[in-house]
Amino acid sequence: EFFAAGGPIAVVLGDNIYQEPLAPAVAAFAEDPSGAMILLKEVDDPERFGVARVEGDHVVEIVEKPTAPATRLAVTGCYLYDARVFDVIRTLRPSARGELEITDVNNRYIEWGQMCYRMVTGWWTDAGTVESLHRASTLVAQEHDNPILRAPNPS
């Protein structure tokens, strides 16, 4: 809160990796930094993530790790908030897991009708499991044309 100095903030989870720069989403939010914005990506395994349901340009629901996802729109680990986020955080109570949940913050903005979104272009992955860490490493290596991934030259 001290760092934000009363202004809007961007939060990016440390285990998330994006192929494309986040600057366009940040710039779009900066044009009207009221409410909140999340970044979404269509995925094949939405049950691993918070899943968003959207109507028009607003998010109307986020369900955390649903067993029967309503959409394939995963909430990625980039969140943009206006300065009210700290007021919201102060009202949070620990979940059943004993943690303060970012989904609870996001749902407050949804209740206010002030949660918009942008779709992630390029690939996105988290690195929070062994499998997703391997996937993230492979994607980054391919992105940078890592010679370790190339087949050896038979000559």
C-alpha atoms as a PDB file:
ATOM      1  CA  GLU A   1       0.000   0.000   0.000  1.00  0.00           C
ATOM      2  CA  PHE A   2       2.860   2.328   0.799  1.00  0.00           C
ATOM      3  CA  PHE A   3       4.461   1.528  -2.561  1.00  0.00           C
ATOM      4  CA  ALA A   4       1.207   2.227  -4.451  1.00  0.00           C
ATOM      5  CA  ALA A   5       1.018   5.708  -2.865  1.00  0.00           C
ATOM      6  CA  GLY A   6      -2.731   5.968  -3.423  1.00  0.00           C
ATOM      7  CA  GLY A   7      -2.550   5.040  -7.098  1.00  0.00           C
ATOM      8  CA  PRO A   8      -3.574   2.026  -9.136  1.00  0.00           C
ATOM      9  CA  ILE A   9      -1.438  -1.100  -8.976  1.00  0.00           C
ATOM     10  CA  ALA A  10      -0.535  -4.136 -11.043  1.00  0.00           C
ATOM     11  CA  VAL A  11      -0.011  -7.484  -9.328  1.00  0.00           C
ATOM     12  CA  VAL A  12       1.662 -10.380 -11.143  1.00  0.00           C
ATOM     13  CA  LEU A  13       2.016 -13.752  -9.458  1.00  0.00           C
ATOM     14  CA  GLY A  14       5.606 -14.914  -9.383  1.00  0.00           C
ATOM     15  CA  ASP A  15       4.959 -18.325 -10.932  1.00  0.00           C
ATOM     16  CA  ASN A  16       3.268 -16.957 -14.072  1.00  0.00           C
ATOM     17  CA  ILE A  17       5.033 -16.539 -17.395  1.00  0.00           C
ATOM     18  CA  TYR A  18       3.591 -14.688 -20.387  1.00  0.00           C
ATOM     19  CA  GLN A  19       4.890 -14.881 -23.938  1.00  0.00           C
ATOM     20  CA  GLU A  20       3.660 -11.417 -24.863  1.00  0.00           C
ATOM     21  CA  PRO A  21       4.328  -8.200 -22.934  1.00  0.00           C
ATOM     22  CA  LEU A  22       1.779  -7.119 -20.346  1.00  0.00           C
ATOM     23  CA  ALA A  23       2.286  -3.444 -21.246  1.00  0.00           C
ATOM     24  CA  PRO A  24      -0.784  -3.194 -23.556  1.00  0.00           C
ATOM     25  CA  ALA A  25      -3.112  -4.383 -20.777  1.00  0.00           C
ATOM     26  CA  VAL A  26      -1.479  -2.056 -18.257  1.00  0.00           C
ATOM     27  CA  ALA A  27      -1.778   0.858 -20.713  1.00  0.00           C
ATOM     28  CA  ALA A  28      -5.467   0.074 -21.332  1.00  0.00           C
ATOM     29  CA  PHE A  29      -6.145   0.062 -17.595  1.00  0.00           C
ATOM     30  CA  ALA A  30      -4.140   3.269 -17.116  1.00  0.00           C
ATOM     31  CA  GLU A  31      -6.492   5.084 -19.519  1.00  0.00           C
ATOM     32  CA  ASP A  32      -9.272   4.705 -16.935  1.00  0.00           C
ATOM     33  CA  PRO A  33      -7.785   3.239 -13.740  1.00  0.00           C
ATOM     34  CA  SER A  34     -11.076   2.671 -11.948  1.00  0.00           C
ATOM     35  CA  GLY A  35     -12.285  -0.722 -10.880  1.00  0.00           C
ATOM     36  CA  ALA A  36     -10.193  -3.741 -11.758  1.00  0.00           C
ATOM     37  CA  MET A  37      -8.981  -5.725 -14.727  1.00  0.00           C
ATOM     38  CA  ILE A  38      -7.872  -9.340 -14.980  1.00  0.00           C
ATOM     39  CA  LEU A  39      -6.186 -11.178 -17.809  1.00  0.00           C
ATOM     40  CA  LEU A  40      -7.872 -14.312 -19.127  1.00  0.00           C
ATOM     41  CA  LYS A  41      -6.641 -17.178 -21.278  1.00  0.00           C
ATOM     42  CA  GLU A  42      -8.653 -20.023 -22.812  1.00  0.00           C
ATOM     43  CA  VAL A  43      -7.172 -23.300 -21.559  1.00  0.00           C
ATOM     44  CA  ASP A  44      -7.761 -27.034 -21.933  1.00  0.00           C
ATOM     45  CA  ASP A  45      -7.703 -27.683 -18.163  1.00  0.00           C
ATOM     46  CA  PRO A  46      -9.761 -24.884 -16.593  1.00  0.00           C
ATOM     47  CA  GLU A  47     -10.502 -26.901 -13.450  1.00  0.00           C
ATOM     48  CA  ARG A  48      -6.921 -26.107 -12.308  1.00  0.00           C
ATOM     49  CA  PHE A  49      -7.632 -22.364 -12.152  1.00  0.00           C
ATOM     50  CA  GLY A  50     -10.072 -19.675 -11.257  1.00  0.00           C
ATOM     51  CA  VAL A  51     -12.553 -19.699 -14.137  1.00  0.00           C
ATOM     52  CA  ALA A  52     -14.285 -16.559 -15.367  1.00  0.00           C
ATOM     53  CA  ARG A  53     -17.680 -16.112 -16.927  1.00  0.00           C
ATOM     54  CA  VAL A  54     -17.995 -12.921 -18.936  1.00  0.00           C
ATOM     55  CA  GLU A  55     -20.802 -10.856 -20.395  1.00  0.00           C
ATOM     56  CA  GLY A  56     -19.740  -8.214 -22.857  1.00  0.00           C
ATOM     57  CA  ASP A  57     -16.624  -6.529 -21.542  1.00  0.00           C
ATOM     58  CA  HIS A  58     -17.231  -7.381 -17.881  1.00  0.00           C
ATOM     59  CA  VAL A  59     -16.528 -10.410 -15.747  1.00  0.00           C
ATOM     60  CA  VAL A  60     -19.707 -11.529 -14.006  1.00  0.00           C
ATOM     61  CA  GLU A  61     -18.397 -14.524 -12.076  1.00  0.00           C
ATOM     62  CA  ILE A  62     -15.185 -16.241 -11.025  1.00  0.00           C
ATOM     63  CA  VAL A  63     -15.291 -19.751  -9.616  1.00  0.00           C
ATOM     64  CA  GLU A  64     -12.079 -21.055  -8.078  1.00  0.00           C
ATOM     65  CA  LYS A  65     -11.022 -24.491  -9.370  1.00  0.00           C
ATOM     66  CA  PRO A  66     -14.518 -25.652 -10.388  1.00  0.00           C
ATOM     67  CA  THR A  67     -15.208 -29.338 -10.925  1.00  0.00           C
ATOM     68  CA  ALA A  68     -17.541 -28.468 -13.822  1.00  0.00           C
ATOM     69  CA  PRO A  69     -16.218 -25.214 -15.338  1.00  0.00           C
ATOM     70  CA  ALA A  70     -18.797 -22.981 -17.043  1.00  0.00           C
ATOM     71  CA  THR A  71     -16.127 -21.749 -19.481  1.00  0.00           C
ATOM     72  CA  ARG A  72     -12.524 -22.450 -20.418  1.00  0.00           C
ATOM     73  CA  LEU A  73     -11.428 -18.922 -19.457  1.00  0.00           C
ATOM     74  CA  ALA A  74      -8.691 -19.220 -16.840  1.00  0.00           C
ATOM     75  CA  VAL A  75      -7.884 -16.245 -14.657  1.00  0.00           C
ATOM     76  CA  THR A  76      -4.172 -15.743 -15.156  1.00  0.00           C
ATOM     77  CA  GLY A  77      -1.949 -14.304 -12.463  1.00  0.00           C
ATOM     78  CA  CYS A  78      -2.044 -10.651 -13.552  1.00  0.00           C
ATOM     79  CA  TYR A  79      -4.420  -8.295 -11.767  1.00  0.00           C
ATOM     80  CA  LEU A  80      -4.857  -4.535 -12.130  1.00  0.00           C
ATOM     81  CA  TYR A  81      -6.638  -2.623  -9.374  1.00  0.00           C
ATOM     82  CA  ASP A  82      -7.580   0.901  -8.475  1.00  0.00           C
ATOM     83  CA  ALA A  83      -6.561   2.262  -5.073  1.00  0.00           C
ATOM     84  CA  ARG A  84      -9.665   0.795  -3.384  1.00  0.00           C
ATOM     85  CA  VAL A  85      -8.035  -2.638  -3.457  1.00  0.00           C
ATOM     86  CA  PHE A  86      -6.433  -1.974  -0.076  1.00  0.00           C
ATOM     87  CA  ASP A  87      -9.822  -1.166   1.463  1.00  0.00           C
ATOM     88  CA  VAL A  88     -11.083  -4.490   0.085  1.00  0.00           C
ATOM     89  CA  ILE A  89      -8.069  -6.381   1.417  1.00  0.00           C
ATOM     90  CA  ARG A  90      -8.662  -5.021   4.924  1.00  0.00           C
ATOM     91  CA  THR A  91     -12.144  -6.617   4.913  1.00  0.00           C
ATOM     92  CA  LEU A  92     -10.966 -10.094   3.920  1.00  0.00           C
ATOM     93  CA  ARG A  93     -11.123 -13.048   6.248  1.00  0.00           C
ATOM     94  CA  PRO A  94      -9.128 -16.262   5.833  1.00  0.00           C
ATOM     95  CA  SER A  95     -10.721 -18.918   3.658  1.00  0.00           C
ATOM     96  CA  ALA A  96     -11.208 -22.551   4.605  1.00  0.00           C
ATOM     97  CA  ARG A  97      -7.563 -22.995   3.528  1.00  0.00           C
ATOM     98  CA  GLY A  98      -6.579 -20.401   6.131  1.00  0.00           C
ATOM     99  CA  GLU A  99      -5.468 -17.904   3.490  1.00  0.00           C
ATOM    100  CA  LEU A 100      -6.605 -14.553   2.171  1.00  0.00           C
ATOM    101  CA  GLU A 101      -7.820 -15.238  -1.354  1.00  0.00           C
ATOM    102  CA  ILE A 102      -7.275 -13.038  -4.403  1.00  0.00           C
ATOM    103  CA  THR A 103     -10.528 -14.441  -5.807  1.00  0.00           C
ATOM    104  CA  ASP A 104     -12.353 -12.777  -2.896  1.00  0.00           C
ATOM    105  CA  VAL A 105     -10.806  -9.445  -3.912  1.00  0.00           C
ATOM    106  CA  ASN A 106     -11.834 -10.016  -7.521  1.00  0.00           C
ATOM    107  CA  ASN A 107     -15.353 -11.011  -6.534  1.00  0.00           C
ATOM    108  CA  ARG A 108     -15.803  -7.744  -4.638  1.00  0.00           C
ATOM    109  CA  TYR A 109     -15.065  -5.804  -7.814  1.00  0.00           C
ATOM    110  CA  ILE A 110     -17.472  -8.103  -9.680  1.00  0.00           C
ATOM    111  CA  GLU A 111     -20.175  -7.299  -7.077  1.00  0.00           C
ATOM    112  CA  TRP A 112     -19.572  -3.620  -7.810  1.00  0.00           C
ATOM    113  CA  GLY A 113     -19.860  -4.270 -11.564  1.00  0.00           C
ATOM    114  CA  GLN A 114     -16.310  -2.997 -11.991  1.00  0.00           C
ATOM    115  CA  MET A 115     -14.292  -5.988 -13.175  1.00  0.00           C
ATOM    116  CA  CYS A 116     -13.230  -5.920 -16.810  1.00  0.00           C
ATOM    117  CA  TYR A 117     -10.833  -8.216 -18.635  1.00  0.00           C
ATOM    118  CA  ARG A 118      -8.447  -8.614 -21.528  1.00  0.00           C
ATOM    119  CA  MET A 119      -7.541 -11.812 -23.287  1.00  0.00           C
ATOM    120  CA  VAL A 120      -3.923 -12.933 -23.154  1.00  0.00           C
ATOM    121  CA  THR A 121      -2.303 -13.217 -26.558  1.00  0.00           C
ATOM    122  CA  GLY A 122       0.466 -15.723 -27.084  1.00  0.00           C
ATOM    123  CA  TRP A 123       1.025 -18.473 -24.583  1.00  0.00           C
ATOM    124  CA  TRP A 124       0.699 -18.224 -20.830  1.00  0.00           C
ATOM    125  CA  THR A 125       1.593 -20.728 -18.169  1.00  0.00           C
ATOM    126  CA  ASP A 126       2.040 -20.932 -14.471  1.00  0.00           C
ATOM    127  CA  ALA A 127       4.927 -22.880 -13.004  1.00  0.00           C
ATOM    128  CA  GLY A 128       3.270 -23.986  -9.793  1.00  0.00           C
ATOM    129  CA  THR A 129       3.430 -27.745 -10.357  1.00  0.00           C
ATOM    130  CA  VAL A 130       6.218 -30.006 -11.571  1.00  0.00           C
ATOM    131  CA  GLU A 131       4.360 -30.530 -14.856  1.00  0.00           C
ATOM    132  CA  SER A 132       3.659 -26.842 -15.411  1.00  0.00           C
ATOM    133  CA  LEU A 133       7.247 -25.929 -14.484  1.00  0.00           C
ATOM    134  CA  HIS A 134       8.446 -28.349 -17.172  1.00  0.00           C
ATOM    135  CA  ARG A 135       5.964 -26.850 -19.647  1.00  0.00           C
ATOM    136  CA  ALA A 136       7.091 -23.320 -18.759  1.00  0.00           C
ATOM    137  CA  SER A 137      10.756 -24.254 -19.203  1.00  0.00           C
ATOM    138  CA  THR A 138      10.049 -25.840 -22.574  1.00  0.00           C
ATOM    139  CA  LEU A 139       8.033 -22.859 -23.822  1.00  0.00           C
ATOM    140  CA  VAL A 140      10.712 -20.380 -22.792  1.00  0.00           C
ATOM    141  CA  ALA A 141      13.485 -22.508 -24.301  1.00  0.00           C
ATOM    142  CA  GLN A 142      11.572 -22.769 -27.586  1.00  0.00           C
ATOM    143  CA  GLU A 143      10.880 -19.038 -27.529  1.00  0.00           C
ATOM    144  CA  HIS A 144      14.597 -18.355 -27.313  1.00  0.00           C
ATOM    145  CA  ASP A 145      15.513 -21.133 -29.765  1.00  0.00           C
ATOM    146  CA  ASN A 146      17.558 -22.924 -27.145  1.00  0.00           C
ATOM    147  CA  PRO A 147      20.090 -25.228 -28.851  1.00  0.00           C
ATOM    148  CA  ILE A 148      19.610 -27.844 -26.127  1.00  0.00           C
ATOM    149  CA  LEU A 149      16.174 -28.590 -27.635  1.00  0.00           C
ATOM    150  CA  ARG A 150      17.525 -29.051 -31.178  1.00  0.00           C
ATOM    151  CA  ALA A 151      18.297 -32.524 -32.438  1.00  0.00           C
ATOM    152  CA  PRO A 152      22.016 -33.243 -32.618  1.00  0.00           C
ATOM    153  CA  ASN A 153      23.647 -32.774 -35.997  1.00  0.00           C
ATOM    154  CA  PRO A 154      24.452 -36.280 -37.326  1.00  0.00           C
ATOM    155  CA  SER A 155      27.546 -35.119 -39.245  1.00  0.00           C
END
